Protein backbone atom coordinates (compact mmCIF):
# COMPACT_ATOMS: atom_id res chain seq x y z
CA MET A 1 0.00 0.00 0.00
CA LYS A 2 1.41 3.43 -0.98
CA ILE A 3 1.32 6.08 1.75
CA ASN A 4 2.64 9.61 2.21
CA ILE A 5 4.69 10.95 5.12
CA GLU A 6 1.65 12.06 7.16
CA GLN A 7 0.02 8.64 6.80
CA ALA A 8 3.29 6.94 7.72
CA LEU A 9 3.48 8.93 10.94
CA ARG A 10 0.01 7.58 11.83
CA VAL A 11 0.01 3.96 10.63
CA ILE A 12 3.47 2.96 11.83
CA PRO A 13 2.78 3.84 15.50
CA THR A 14 -0.53 1.93 15.19
CA CYS A 15 1.38 -1.20 14.12
CA ILE A 16 3.94 -0.75 16.87
CA LYS A 17 1.27 -0.37 19.56
CA SER A 18 -0.14 -3.72 18.42
CA ARG A 19 3.38 -5.20 18.83
CA LEU A 20 3.63 -5.79 15.08
CA VAL A 21 6.54 -4.81 12.85
CA PRO A 22 5.99 -2.31 10.01
CA MET A 23 8.19 -2.51 6.92
CA LEU A 24 8.52 0.84 5.12
CA VAL A 25 10.04 0.76 1.65
CA GLY A 26 10.66 3.66 -0.66
CA SER A 27 13.10 5.25 -3.07
CA PRO A 28 16.45 6.57 -1.74
CA GLY A 29 16.35 9.90 0.08
CA ILE A 30 12.58 9.97 0.44
CA GLY A 31 12.56 10.29 4.25
CA LYS A 32 12.24 6.79 5.71
CA SER A 33 14.93 7.29 8.35
CA HIS A 34 13.52 10.67 9.33
CA ILE A 35 10.11 9.09 9.93
CA ALA A 36 11.68 6.54 12.26
CA HIS A 37 13.48 9.24 14.24
CA GLN A 38 10.38 11.45 14.42
CA ILE A 39 8.25 8.56 15.71
CA ALA A 40 10.92 7.84 18.31
CA LEU A 41 11.03 11.49 19.36
CA GLU A 42 7.26 11.76 19.66
CA ASN A 43 7.13 8.62 21.81
CA ASN A 44 10.24 9.34 23.89
CA LEU A 45 12.13 6.31 22.54
CA LYS A 46 15.88 5.92 22.09
CA VAL A 47 16.71 4.91 18.51
CA ILE A 48 18.86 1.83 17.90
CA ASP A 49 19.86 2.19 14.24
CA LEU A 50 20.93 -1.22 12.92
CA ARG A 51 21.82 -1.57 9.22
CA LEU A 52 21.06 -5.19 8.40
CA ALA A 53 22.98 -5.05 5.11
CA GLN A 54 26.15 -4.71 7.22
CA CYS A 55 25.32 -7.57 9.60
CA ASP A 56 26.25 -11.23 9.91
CA PRO A 57 23.76 -13.80 11.25
CA CYS A 58 25.56 -13.87 14.60
CA ASP A 59 24.90 -10.13 14.97
CA ILE A 60 21.21 -11.09 15.18
CA LEU A 61 21.31 -14.49 16.86
CA GLY A 62 24.09 -13.69 19.31
CA PHE A 63 27.73 -14.70 19.68
CA PRO A 64 28.48 -18.44 20.15
CA ASN A 65 29.72 -19.21 23.64
CA ILE A 66 30.54 -22.30 25.72
CA VAL A 67 29.31 -22.47 29.30
CA GLY A 68 30.36 -25.68 31.05
CA ASP A 69 29.49 -28.62 28.83
CA LYS A 70 26.92 -26.72 26.75
CA ALA A 71 27.06 -24.17 23.95
CA GLY A 72 24.81 -21.17 23.57
CA TYR A 73 24.63 -17.63 22.28
CA ILE A 74 25.37 -14.37 24.07
CA PRO A 75 23.15 -11.56 22.70
CA MET A 76 24.89 -8.52 21.28
CA GLU A 77 24.62 -5.35 23.35
CA THR A 78 22.68 -3.88 20.42
CA PHE A 79 19.50 -5.50 21.71
CA PRO A 80 17.86 -4.58 25.04
CA ILE A 81 16.63 -7.80 26.67
CA GLU A 82 14.49 -8.62 29.68
CA GLY A 83 16.04 -7.25 32.84
CA ASP A 84 17.93 -4.38 31.18
CA GLU A 85 17.34 -0.92 32.62
CA LEU A 86 15.49 1.65 30.55
CA PRO A 87 17.75 4.19 28.82
CA GLU A 88 18.13 7.35 30.88
CA GLY A 89 15.55 9.95 29.95
CA HIS A 90 13.61 7.61 27.64
CA SER A 91 10.54 5.39 27.96
CA GLY A 92 12.03 2.61 25.83
CA TRP A 93 13.75 1.94 22.52
CA LEU A 94 12.93 1.97 18.82
CA LEU A 95 14.90 -0.79 17.11
CA PHE A 96 15.19 0.56 13.56
CA LEU A 97 16.24 -2.24 11.20
CA ASP A 98 17.31 -0.20 8.18
CA GLU A 99 18.43 -1.66 4.82
CA PHE A 100 16.36 -4.67 5.85
CA ASN A 101 15.70 -6.02 2.36
CA ALA A 102 19.33 -5.41 1.35
CA ALA A 103 20.57 -7.92 3.92
CA PRO A 104 21.90 -11.29 2.67
CA PRO A 105 19.38 -14.17 2.86
CA ALA A 106 21.17 -15.71 5.85
CA VAL A 107 20.81 -12.47 7.83
CA GLN A 108 17.17 -12.12 6.84
CA SER A 109 16.59 -15.71 8.02
CA ALA A 110 18.31 -14.93 11.31
CA SER A 111 15.81 -12.11 11.86
CA TYR A 112 12.73 -14.38 11.69
CA LYS A 113 12.61 -14.89 15.44
CA LEU A 114 13.50 -11.26 16.14
CA VAL A 115 10.61 -9.68 14.23
CA LEU A 116 7.94 -12.28 15.02
CA ASP A 117 8.78 -13.70 18.45
CA ARG A 118 10.73 -10.68 19.73
CA MET A 119 13.65 -12.91 20.68
CA VAL A 120 17.41 -12.72 20.21
CA GLY A 121 18.62 -16.31 20.31
CA MET A 122 17.03 -17.69 23.51
CA HIS A 123 16.58 -14.25 25.08
CA ASN A 124 13.38 -12.20 25.03
CA LEU A 125 13.59 -8.58 23.95
CA HIS A 126 12.74 -6.01 26.58
CA SER A 127 8.99 -5.31 26.64
CA ARG A 128 9.68 -1.62 25.92
CA VAL A 129 11.37 -2.30 22.56
CA ALA A 130 9.45 -1.24 19.44
CA ILE A 131 10.63 -2.54 16.06
CA MET A 132 10.47 -0.86 12.65
CA CYS A 133 12.04 -2.02 9.37
CA ALA A 134 12.89 -0.02 6.26
CA GLY A 135 14.41 -0.63 2.85
CA ASN A 136 14.64 0.44 -0.78
CA LEU A 137 12.58 -0.51 -3.82
CA ASP A 138 13.99 -3.12 -6.18
CA THR A 139 12.81 -0.96 -9.12
CA ASP A 140 15.19 1.88 -8.18
CA GLY A 141 18.46 0.15 -8.90
CA ALA A 142 19.28 -0.15 -5.20
CA ILE A 143 20.70 -3.31 -3.65
CA VAL A 144 17.66 -5.40 -2.71
CA GLN A 145 17.48 -9.11 -1.84
CA GLU A 146 14.27 -11.04 -2.35
CA MET A 147 12.49 -11.76 0.91
CA SER A 148 11.13 -15.22 1.55
CA THR A 149 7.39 -15.64 1.89
CA ALA A 150 7.95 -16.68 5.52
CA LEU A 151 9.59 -13.32 6.22
CA GLN A 152 7.05 -11.34 4.20
CA SER A 153 4.20 -12.62 6.35
CA ARG A 154 5.96 -11.49 9.52
CA LEU A 155 5.82 -7.81 8.53
CA ILE A 156 3.23 -5.11 7.77
CA HIS A 157 4.21 -3.62 4.41
CA PHE A 158 3.99 0.03 3.30
CA GLU A 159 5.51 1.96 0.39
CA LEU A 160 6.41 5.60 1.03
CA THR A 161 5.81 8.08 -1.80
CA ALA A 162 7.03 11.65 -2.25
CA ASP A 163 3.96 13.87 -1.99
CA PRO A 164 4.65 17.64 -2.26
CA THR A 165 1.58 18.69 -0.25
CA THR A 166 2.31 16.55 2.79
CA TRP A 167 6.04 17.28 2.55
CA LEU A 168 5.31 21.01 2.62
CA ASN A 169 3.22 20.51 5.76
CA TRP A 170 6.14 18.68 7.34
CA ALA A 171 8.70 21.23 6.16
CA MET A 172 6.81 24.19 7.60
CA ASN A 173 6.77 22.49 11.01
CA ASN A 174 10.44 21.51 10.88
CA GLU A 175 12.17 24.82 10.16
CA ILE A 176 12.95 24.15 6.51
CA ASP A 177 13.99 27.44 4.88
CA HIS A 178 10.88 29.22 3.56
CA ARG A 179 12.58 29.86 0.21
CA ILE A 180 12.64 26.10 -0.33
CA THR A 181 8.96 25.63 0.52
CA ASP A 182 8.08 28.56 -1.75
CA TYR A 183 10.03 26.97 -4.60
CA ILE A 184 8.37 23.56 -4.11
CA LYS A 185 4.95 25.26 -4.11
CA PHE A 186 5.91 26.82 -7.44
CA LYS A 187 7.56 23.67 -8.91
CA PRO A 188 6.28 20.63 -6.94
CA GLY A 189 7.87 18.25 -9.44
CA ASP A 190 11.30 19.30 -8.20
CA LEU A 191 10.71 17.88 -4.74
CA TYR A 192 11.81 14.49 -6.01
CA THR A 193 13.64 14.11 -9.33
CA PHE A 194 15.17 10.65 -8.82
CA THR A 195 15.02 8.15 -11.66
CA PRO A 196 16.86 4.80 -11.62
CA ASP A 197 18.76 5.70 -14.81
CA HIS A 198 19.73 9.27 -13.84
CA THR A 199 23.19 10.40 -14.97
CA ASP A 200 23.76 13.26 -12.51
CA LYS A 201 25.88 12.64 -9.44
CA THR A 202 22.89 13.37 -7.21
CA TYR A 203 19.24 14.38 -7.38
CA ALA A 204 16.62 16.48 -5.61
CA CYS A 205 14.74 14.64 -2.88
CA PRO A 206 13.44 15.36 0.64
CA ARG A 207 16.86 14.44 2.08
CA THR A 208 18.86 16.74 -0.21
CA TRP A 209 16.39 19.63 0.18
CA GLU A 210 16.94 19.33 3.93
CA PHE A 211 20.69 19.55 3.24
CA VAL A 212 20.06 22.75 1.27
CA SER A 213 18.10 24.21 4.18
CA ARG A 214 21.16 23.66 6.38
CA LEU A 215 23.48 25.23 3.79
CA LEU A 216 21.54 28.39 2.98
CA PRO A 217 22.11 30.30 6.26
CA ASP A 218 25.85 30.38 5.50
CA MET A 219 25.44 31.76 1.97
CA THR A 220 24.23 35.02 0.46
CA GLU A 221 22.19 35.26 -2.74
CA ASP A 222 25.20 36.65 -4.67
CA ASP A 223 27.63 34.06 -3.25
CA PRO A 224 29.73 32.77 -6.19
CA ASP A 225 30.00 29.39 -4.50
CA MET A 226 26.24 28.90 -4.15
CA LEU A 227 25.68 27.28 -7.54
CA PRO A 228 28.53 24.73 -7.23
CA ILE A 229 27.45 23.79 -3.70
CA LEU A 230 23.77 23.43 -4.54
CA SER A 231 24.58 21.60 -7.80
CA GLY A 232 26.49 19.06 -5.76
CA THR A 233 23.46 18.71 -3.50
CA LEU A 234 20.45 18.82 -5.84
CA SER A 235 21.95 18.29 -9.36
CA GLU A 236 22.96 21.19 -11.61
CA GLY A 237 19.63 21.58 -13.40
CA VAL A 238 17.50 21.91 -10.26
CA ALA A 239 20.17 24.03 -8.55
CA ARG A 240 20.22 26.57 -11.40
CA GLU A 241 16.44 26.96 -11.31
CA PHE A 242 16.41 27.30 -7.53
CA VAL A 243 19.19 29.93 -7.57
CA VAL A 244 17.23 31.96 -10.13
CA PHE A 245 14.12 31.63 -7.96
CA MET A 246 15.99 32.87 -4.90
CA LYS A 247 17.16 35.94 -6.78
CA ILE A 248 13.49 36.86 -7.10
CA TYR A 249 13.54 37.63 -3.40
CA ALA A 250 15.75 40.63 -4.09
CA SER A 251 12.86 42.20 -6.02
CA LEU A 252 10.21 41.55 -3.36
CA PRO A 253 8.77 44.38 -1.30
CA LYS A 254 10.64 44.70 1.98
CA LEU A 255 8.79 43.97 5.23
CA SER A 256 9.66 47.46 6.47
CA GLU A 257 8.04 48.97 3.36
CA ILE A 258 4.88 46.88 3.80
CA GLN A 259 4.56 47.79 7.46
CA LYS A 260 5.05 51.46 6.69
CA ASP A 261 2.55 51.72 3.84
CA PRO A 262 0.68 48.44 3.13
CA GLN A 263 -1.98 50.12 0.96
CA THR A 264 0.37 51.47 -1.71
CA VAL A 265 3.42 49.15 -1.87
CA PHE A 266 3.50 47.53 -5.31
CA ILE A 267 1.97 44.10 -6.01
CA PRO A 268 4.02 41.82 -8.32
CA LYS A 269 2.29 40.24 -11.32
CA GLU A 270 4.50 37.23 -12.18
CA PRO A 271 3.27 33.94 -10.58
CA SER A 272 6.82 32.90 -9.61
CA ILE A 273 7.31 36.21 -7.78
CA LEU A 274 3.91 35.92 -6.13
CA PHE A 275 4.74 32.41 -4.84
CA ALA A 276 7.98 33.78 -3.39
CA LEU A 277 6.07 36.70 -1.89
CA THR A 278 3.47 34.49 -0.16
CA GLY A 279 6.25 32.56 1.55
CA SER A 280 8.01 35.72 2.66
CA LEU A 281 4.77 37.18 4.03
CA SER A 282 3.77 34.03 5.92
CA HIS A 283 7.30 33.66 7.29
CA ASN A 284 7.13 37.20 8.71
CA MET A 285 3.52 37.08 9.89
CA LYS A 286 3.73 37.43 13.67
CA ALA A 287 1.33 38.73 16.29
CA ASP A 288 2.93 42.19 16.14
CA THR A 289 3.16 42.40 12.34
CA ALA A 290 -0.11 40.76 11.23
CA ASP A 291 -2.25 43.91 11.19
CA GLN A 292 -0.13 45.69 8.58
CA ILE A 293 0.76 42.57 6.61
CA MET A 294 -2.89 41.55 6.32
CA LEU A 295 -3.74 44.93 4.81
CA TYR A 296 -1.19 44.18 2.11
CA VAL A 297 -2.28 40.53 1.73
CA SER A 298 -5.86 41.63 1.07
CA ARG A 299 -4.62 43.35 -2.11
CA LEU A 300 -3.09 40.17 -3.58
CA PRO A 301 -4.98 38.02 -6.11
CA VAL A 302 -7.47 35.93 -4.13
CA GLU A 303 -5.73 32.59 -4.72
CA PHE A 304 -2.46 34.00 -3.34
CA GLN A 305 -4.26 35.42 -0.31
CA VAL A 306 -5.43 31.87 0.47
CA VAL A 307 -1.92 30.45 -0.06
CA THR A 308 -0.44 33.06 2.29
CA LEU A 309 -2.95 32.45 5.06
CA ARG A 310 -2.78 28.67 4.81
CA GLU A 311 0.98 28.74 5.11
CA THR A 312 0.84 31.24 7.98
CA VAL A 313 -1.43 28.96 10.00
CA ARG A 314 0.61 25.86 9.10
CA ARG A 315 3.67 27.56 10.53
CA ASN A 316 1.87 28.81 13.64
CA LYS A 317 -1.67 27.60 14.38
CA GLU A 318 -2.10 30.26 17.06
CA MET A 319 -2.16 32.90 14.33
CA LEU A 320 -5.60 31.64 13.27
CA THR A 321 -7.09 33.48 16.27
CA HIS A 322 -5.40 36.79 15.47
CA PRO A 323 -8.07 39.50 14.95
CA ALA A 324 -6.65 40.56 11.56
CA ILE A 325 -6.77 37.01 10.24
CA GLN A 326 -10.19 36.37 11.74
CA LYS A 327 -11.42 39.52 9.97
CA TRP A 328 -10.10 38.19 6.65
CA VAL A 329 -11.74 34.79 7.25
CA ASN A 330 -15.11 36.35 8.07
CA GLU A 331 -15.04 38.71 5.12
CA SER A 332 -13.84 36.20 2.53
CA SER A 333 -15.66 33.13 3.93
CA ALA A 334 -12.61 31.18 2.79
CA LYS A 335 -11.62 27.87 4.34
CA LEU A 336 -8.01 27.64 5.43
CA PHE A 337 -8.04 23.86 5.51
C-alpha cells in the first residue's frame, strides 16, 4: 500500500502499539529514516539504528559461547533484553532495522525470530522495545534481496511516496527554509527528481532539500560558490532553477516597506514572484506584524491570499485566532483547511 509521510506517521505507531513490525520501503532519500526518528522522538524512545545489510547472522542471533558442557549464544549489546534498565531519559527503545531487504538471505533468516517472536537467540527482547524495518525498492536500482514468503508474512508492508503537499506541511513544522517551501509550491515536481537511470551525481529529494536548508544560512544570494554547492546537492539543473528563484527575493517588497505603507506598496504580477512573496509574508507574519501585513495581503490576487494564510497557519496555528486574520476569514468566507 502506498502512503505519504503524514500517513506513515500515523500507521506505523498503530502497528507498533499492536506489537507488530511495520516494513517501510521507498526510493532513496525519500525520508524513511527521518520518519523513524520522528516517531521515536514523539514517543520518547531511544533509537537503535541497525543496518542489516552490514550484519552477519551472529549479529542477530548472538555470539556463540561455551558455558560448562553446553554451547549457547550471548546476545549482542545492540539488543535490550528482559532485565535491562530503561535508557536514561527515555521510555524505551525503537529498534530501527534499516536496509532490511538489502541484507543477505542468511541475515534475513536470522531475523525471523527477532521480528515475530521478539527474541534474540534464547533471550526475550525487553517489553519496551518497538521494532520498525525499512528498505529500498527493487525498481530503483538499489541493492535489494528477495524476501522469503515466511519473512514477508511477519511484517506489515507500506511503500512511502514523495507527496509535495504533505512534505510542505512537514517542512513548515520543521524549520525548513521558507525559500525552499516557496520553490516547491511553485515547482512541486522538483521535490523528487530521482530516476533509476539518472546520470547526474545526485538528485533532488526530501533528504537533499533538507541539506540545502542547512546550507543556505551560511550563503548570500550573490555568493559565487552557491551554484557549485547546490549543484552538488540537488543536481545542476534543479540548482540553477532554484538559484534563479531565490534571486526573485531581491525584487520583493521589503517587510519594512509593507509595514510602513501596506496600501500602496506595489503588487508583483508574475506567478513565480507571487509564490515567493506568499512565503516571505507568511514567514514574517507574527502577532505584532499581522495587522499591517494583512492589509497588504488583502490586495493580492485571491488565490495567493489563500496560499499566504494557509501557510501562515501551518507555521503557527495560534495565528488563526489573530483579529486581523479572523477579519479576513469572516469577510472572505474562505476555508483555510
